[in-house]
Amino acid sequence: MTGLSTVFRHRSSSPEETQALAERIGRLCATGAVIALTGDLGSGKTAFVQGLARGMGVSAACPVTSPSYTLVNQYSGTGGQTLCHIDLYRLVHPDQIEDLGTDELMDGDHVTAIEWAHKFGPDLWKEDIDITLDIVEDTVRDICVAPRTAKGEALVEQLIQMNS
């Protein structure tokens, strides 16, 4: 963390609750936001991105799926915003990241959500927020939303206000 202190913690009891939290975050995301998602297999990272997309106005007719094999999916939301969903799970070496064209995908014209963002170590991305999903029980997740930039700090503070 870069000296930012505000952290939002939430215990989700279902995938739907995880998506509802992510939907609120999606409504708060400004174009150019970068979100790093970490958690074990089955922790709810893709479910989180589904809610994020809903909050950004991505049509329900456009299913948000894990890009495990395609590595990158893009979805058009309302107001000209685009959600770029990246999944690094199948990559084996950090050099492969360059082949994805992440420079263009994170050029400020998208909201970017990166699953397995810290697979090759911290600080590969200039993420605004880190979201960690920890499995507690079968459907229960502890979710931590931590800012890494001033933009991320503002988003987390807004999220806290929405939930108070």
Protein backbone atom coordinates (compact mmCIF):
# COMPACT_ATOMS: atom_id res chain seq x y z
CA MET A 1 0.00 0.00 0.00
CA THR A 2 1.18 3.52 -0.70
CA GLY A 3 0.41 5.08 2.68
CA LEU A 4 -3.34 5.14 2.03
CA SER A 5 -5.28 4.06 5.09
CA THR A 6 -8.94 3.66 4.16
CA VAL A 7 -9.87 0.01 3.61
CA PHE A 8 -13.37 -1.36 3.06
CA ARG A 9 -14.11 -4.83 4.39
CA HIS A 10 -17.24 -6.83 3.69
CA ARG A 11 -18.38 -10.38 4.46
CA SER A 12 -20.47 -11.73 1.60
CA SER A 13 -22.74 -14.70 2.22
CA SER A 14 -23.50 -15.47 -1.45
CA PRO A 15 -22.32 -14.88 -5.02
CA GLU A 16 -25.30 -12.53 -5.45
CA GLU A 17 -24.16 -10.45 -2.49
CA THR A 18 -20.63 -10.33 -3.93
CA GLN A 19 -22.08 -9.15 -7.24
CA ALA A 20 -24.18 -6.50 -5.49
CA LEU A 21 -21.06 -5.07 -3.81
CA ALA A 22 -19.22 -5.10 -7.14
CA GLU A 23 -22.17 -3.39 -8.81
CA ARG A 24 -21.86 -0.50 -6.35
CA ILE A 25 -18.15 -0.27 -7.14
CA GLY A 26 -18.93 -0.36 -10.88
CA ARG A 27 -21.17 2.67 -10.48
CA LEU A 28 -18.30 4.52 -8.77
CA CYS A 29 -15.55 3.60 -11.25
CA ALA A 30 -14.25 6.34 -13.46
CA THR A 31 -12.79 5.61 -16.86
CA GLY A 32 -9.14 4.69 -16.43
CA ALA A 33 -9.62 2.82 -13.16
CA VAL A 34 -7.55 -0.33 -12.75
CA ILE A 35 -8.77 -3.02 -10.35
CA ALA A 36 -6.54 -5.91 -9.25
CA LEU A 37 -8.45 -9.00 -8.12
CA THR A 38 -6.83 -11.71 -6.02
CA GLY A 39 -8.17 -14.86 -4.44
CA ASP A 40 -8.00 -18.62 -4.73
CA LEU A 41 -9.80 -20.59 -7.43
CA GLY A 42 -13.53 -20.39 -6.77
CA SER A 43 -13.27 -17.34 -4.51
CA GLY A 44 -15.62 -15.27 -6.68
CA LYS A 45 -13.37 -13.11 -8.86
CA THR A 46 -15.46 -13.65 -12.00
CA ALA A 47 -18.71 -13.19 -10.06
CA PHE A 48 -17.26 -9.93 -8.82
CA VAL A 49 -16.51 -8.78 -12.39
CA GLN A 50 -20.08 -9.72 -13.40
CA GLY A 51 -21.40 -7.33 -10.77
CA LEU A 52 -18.84 -4.69 -11.75
CA ALA A 53 -20.09 -4.91 -15.34
CA ARG A 54 -23.71 -4.56 -14.22
CA GLY A 55 -22.78 -1.42 -12.26
CA MET A 56 -21.11 0.02 -15.37
CA GLY A 57 -24.26 -0.55 -17.41
CA VAL A 58 -23.16 -3.58 -19.43
CA SER A 59 -26.33 -5.12 -20.86
CA ALA A 60 -27.65 -8.29 -19.21
CA ALA A 61 -27.93 -9.63 -22.78
CA CYS A 62 -24.11 -9.64 -22.90
CA PRO A 63 -22.95 -12.40 -20.54
CA VAL A 64 -19.76 -11.66 -18.63
CA THR A 65 -17.65 -14.81 -18.55
CA SER A 66 -14.18 -15.67 -17.35
CA PRO A 67 -11.55 -14.96 -20.01
CA SER A 68 -9.45 -17.91 -18.80
CA TYR A 69 -8.85 -19.10 -22.36
CA THR A 70 -9.22 -15.86 -24.32
CA LEU A 71 -7.27 -13.97 -21.60
CA VAL A 72 -9.06 -10.66 -22.37
CA ASN A 73 -12.76 -9.83 -22.78
CA GLN A 74 -14.18 -6.36 -23.39
CA TYR A 75 -17.71 -5.19 -22.62
CA SER A 76 -19.41 -1.92 -23.54
CA GLY A 77 -21.22 -0.17 -20.74
CA THR A 78 -23.34 2.96 -20.67
CA GLY A 79 -21.91 6.40 -21.24
CA GLY A 80 -19.19 5.09 -23.54
CA GLN A 81 -17.35 3.24 -20.76
CA THR A 82 -15.72 -0.07 -21.62
CA LEU A 83 -14.88 -2.80 -19.13
CA CYS A 84 -11.71 -4.68 -19.97
CA HIS A 85 -11.59 -8.03 -18.12
CA ILE A 86 -8.18 -9.73 -18.04
CA ASP A 87 -7.42 -13.17 -16.59
CA LEU A 88 -3.77 -14.11 -16.03
CA TYR A 89 -4.39 -17.59 -14.60
CA ARG A 90 -3.12 -19.51 -17.65
CA LEU A 91 -0.02 -17.40 -18.20
CA VAL A 92 3.23 -19.01 -17.07
CA HIS A 93 5.73 -16.19 -17.51
CA PRO A 94 5.44 -12.42 -16.98
CA ASP A 95 6.75 -11.75 -20.51
CA GLN A 96 3.45 -13.14 -21.84
CA ILE A 97 1.65 -10.14 -20.38
CA GLU A 98 3.13 -7.90 -23.09
CA ASP A 99 1.51 -10.11 -25.76
CA LEU A 100 -1.91 -9.19 -24.35
CA GLY A 101 -1.51 -5.55 -25.35
CA THR A 102 -2.11 -4.37 -21.80
CA ASP A 103 -0.57 -0.96 -22.56
CA GLU A 104 -3.45 -0.21 -24.93
CA LEU A 105 -6.00 -1.84 -22.64
CA MET A 106 -4.91 0.31 -19.71
CA ASP A 107 -4.52 3.56 -21.64
CA GLY A 108 -7.20 5.36 -19.68
CA ASP A 109 -10.12 4.63 -22.03
CA HIS A 110 -11.28 1.58 -20.07
CA VAL A 111 -12.07 0.36 -16.60
CA THR A 112 -9.75 -2.63 -16.29
CA ALA A 113 -10.33 -5.59 -13.96
CA ILE A 114 -7.43 -8.05 -13.72
CA GLU A 115 -7.97 -11.52 -12.26
CA TRP A 116 -4.84 -13.10 -10.75
CA ALA A 117 -3.23 -9.65 -10.93
CA HIS A 118 -0.44 -10.49 -8.50
CA LYS A 119 0.43 -13.90 -9.95
CA PHE A 120 3.89 -12.69 -10.98
CA GLY A 121 4.47 -10.49 -7.94
CA PRO A 122 3.20 -7.18 -6.65
CA ASP A 123 3.44 -3.86 -8.44
CA LEU A 124 3.13 -5.08 -12.05
CA TRP A 125 0.11 -2.84 -12.49
CA LYS A 126 -0.65 0.69 -11.53
CA GLU A 127 -3.90 -0.46 -9.97
CA ASP A 128 -6.14 1.99 -8.22
CA ILE A 129 -7.67 -0.63 -5.93
CA ASP A 130 -6.77 -4.13 -4.81
CA ILE A 131 -9.71 -6.42 -4.15
CA THR A 132 -9.00 -9.61 -2.24
CA LEU A 133 -11.61 -12.34 -1.96
CA ASP A 134 -10.96 -14.92 0.76
CA ILE A 135 -12.98 -18.12 1.05
CA VAL A 136 -14.43 -18.48 4.56
CA GLU A 137 -17.03 -21.20 3.95
CA ASP A 138 -18.83 -22.72 0.96
CA THR A 139 -20.53 -19.47 -0.14
CA VAL A 140 -19.09 -17.03 2.41
CA ARG A 141 -16.32 -14.66 1.31
CA ASP A 142 -14.36 -11.97 3.12
CA ILE A 143 -13.79 -9.15 0.66
CA CYS A 144 -11.21 -6.43 1.22
CA VAL A 145 -11.13 -3.35 -1.00
CA ALA A 146 -7.86 -1.46 -0.51
CA PRO A 147 -6.79 1.68 -2.39
CA ARG A 148 -3.38 2.01 -4.02
CA THR A 149 -3.77 5.53 -5.46
CA ALA A 150 -5.58 8.74 -4.55
CA LYS A 151 -8.24 7.83 -7.14
CA GLY A 152 -8.67 4.48 -5.40
CA GLU A 153 -8.84 6.15 -2.01
CA ALA A 154 -11.68 8.40 -3.23
CA LEU A 155 -13.56 5.39 -4.59
CA VAL A 156 -13.18 3.45 -1.32
CA GLU A 157 -14.33 6.46 0.70
CA GLN A 158 -17.44 6.76 -1.52
CA LEU A 159 -18.10 3.05 -1.09
CA ILE A 160 -17.89 3.39 2.69
CA GLN A 161 -20.34 6.32 2.60
CA MET A 162 -22.77 4.29 0.45
CA ASN A 163 -22.69 1.47 2.99
CA SER A 164 -23.08 3.54 6.16
